[in-house]
């Protein structure tokens, strides 16, 4: 008896990357005494990385054409 493999829908990793960026930015910002600027930069970088991963996995944000 063989098992059929089911391919599930790809899930977005954008929110996870943004959250990881927030916590890394919080730690680095506290170390560098510039909390808001460093946190903003790292969260934006996390969002960019998450978007690129989602784009590679075929996840779209908005309507499909």
C-alpha atoms as a PDB file:
ATOM      1  CA  UNK A   1       0.000   0.000   0.000  1.00  0.00           C
ATOM      2  CA  UNK A   2       1.450   3.347  -1.012  1.00  0.00           C
ATOM      3  CA  UNK A   3       0.643   6.693   0.390  1.00  0.00           C
ATOM      4  CA  UNK A   4      -0.235   9.546  -1.896  1.00  0.00           C
ATOM      5  CA  UNK A   5       1.689  12.692  -1.201  1.00  0.00           C
ATOM      6  CA  UNK A   6      -0.383  15.805  -0.999  1.00  0.00           C
ATOM      7  CA  UNK A   7       1.170  19.112  -1.784  1.00  0.00           C
ATOM      8  CA  UNK A   8      -0.318  21.744   0.467  1.00  0.00           C
ATOM      9  CA  UNK A   9      -0.688  25.413  -0.205  1.00  0.00           C
ATOM     10  CA  UNK A  10       2.462  27.454   0.345  1.00  0.00           C
ATOM     11  CA  UNK A  11       2.318  29.555   3.483  1.00  0.00           C
ATOM     12  CA  UNK A  12       3.560  33.090   3.796  1.00  0.00           C
ATOM     13  CA  UNK A  13       6.739  33.699   5.777  1.00  0.00           C
ATOM     14  CA  UNK A  14       6.551  37.493   5.561  1.00  0.00           C
ATOM     15  CA  UNK A  15       5.002  37.923   9.013  1.00  0.00           C
ATOM     16  CA  UNK A  16       7.578  35.622  10.595  1.00  0.00           C
ATOM     17  CA  UNK A  17      10.472  37.489   8.972  1.00  0.00           C
ATOM     18  CA  UNK A  18       9.064  40.845  10.099  1.00  0.00           C
ATOM     19  CA  UNK A  19       8.679  39.560  13.671  1.00  0.00           C
ATOM     20  CA  UNK A  20      12.216  38.182  13.721  1.00  0.00           C
ATOM     21  CA  UNK A  21      13.440  41.507  12.353  1.00  0.00           C
ATOM     22  CA  UNK A  22      11.593  43.340  15.118  1.00  0.00           C
ATOM     23  CA  UNK A  23      13.238  41.325  17.876  1.00  0.00           C
ATOM     24  CA  UNK A  24      16.696  41.462  16.304  1.00  0.00           C
ATOM     25  CA  UNK A  25      16.268  45.212  15.786  1.00  0.00           C
ATOM     26  CA  UNK A  26      15.176  45.616  19.386  1.00  0.00           C
ATOM     27  CA  UNK A  27      18.316  43.890  20.635  1.00  0.00           C
ATOM     28  CA  UNK A  28      20.713  45.600  18.243  1.00  0.00           C
ATOM     29  CA  UNK A  29      19.099  48.976  18.794  1.00  0.00           C
ATOM     30  CA  UNK A  30      19.516  48.683  22.543  1.00  0.00           C
ATOM     31  CA  UNK A  31      23.174  47.771  22.100  1.00  0.00           C
ATOM     32  CA  UNK A  32      23.814  50.644  19.692  1.00  0.00           C
ATOM     33  CA  UNK A  33      21.817  53.247  21.693  1.00  0.00           C
ATOM     34  CA  UNK A  34      19.697  54.053  18.648  1.00  0.00           C
ATOM     35  CA  UNK A  35      16.582  51.967  19.114  1.00  0.00           C
ATOM     36  CA  UNK A  36      14.050  53.367  16.642  1.00  0.00           C
ATOM     37  CA  UNK A  37      16.334  53.782  13.634  1.00  0.00           C
ATOM     38  CA  UNK A  38      17.981  50.364  13.909  1.00  0.00           C
ATOM     39  CA  UNK A  39      14.662  48.640  14.600  1.00  0.00           C
ATOM     40  CA  UNK A  40      13.037  50.302  11.577  1.00  0.00           C
ATOM     41  CA  UNK A  41      15.918  49.294   9.282  1.00  0.00           C
ATOM     42  CA  UNK A  42      16.000  45.674  10.461  1.00  0.00           C
ATOM     43  CA  UNK A  43      12.198  45.268  10.272  1.00  0.00           C
ATOM     44  CA  UNK A  44      12.228  46.686   6.735  1.00  0.00           C
ATOM     45  CA  UNK A  45      15.032  44.283   5.815  1.00  0.00           C
ATOM     46  CA  UNK A  46      13.058  41.379   7.321  1.00  0.00           C
ATOM     47  CA  UNK A  47       9.980  42.359   5.321  1.00  0.00           C
ATOM     48  CA  UNK A  48      12.024  42.533   2.131  1.00  0.00           C
ATOM     49  CA  UNK A  49      13.516  39.088   2.731  1.00  0.00           C
ATOM     50  CA  UNK A  50      10.092  37.642   3.575  1.00  0.00           C
ATOM     51  CA  UNK A  51       8.588  39.171   0.440  1.00  0.00           C
ATOM     52  CA  UNK A  52      11.318  37.704  -1.744  1.00  0.00           C
ATOM     53  CA  UNK A  53      10.822  34.242  -0.225  1.00  0.00           C
ATOM     54  CA  UNK A  54       7.055  34.486  -0.727  1.00  0.00           C
ATOM     55  CA  UNK A  55       7.539  35.643  -4.310  1.00  0.00           C
ATOM     56  CA  UNK A  56       9.768  32.634  -4.957  1.00  0.00           C
ATOM     57  CA  UNK A  57       7.125  30.294  -3.457  1.00  0.00           C
ATOM     58  CA  UNK A  58       4.373  31.779  -5.649  1.00  0.00           C
ATOM     59  CA  UNK A  59       2.451  33.700  -2.988  1.00  0.00           C
ATOM     60  CA  UNK A  60       0.852  36.893  -4.270  1.00  0.00           C
ATOM     61  CA  UNK A  61      -0.468  39.859  -2.333  1.00  0.00           C
ATOM     62  CA  UNK A  62      -3.527  41.187  -4.097  1.00  0.00           C
ATOM     63  CA  UNK A  63      -5.436  40.146  -7.169  1.00  0.00           C
ATOM     64  CA  UNK A  64      -4.100  37.654  -9.649  1.00  0.00           C
ATOM     65  CA  UNK A  65      -4.091  38.772 -13.255  1.00  0.00           C
END
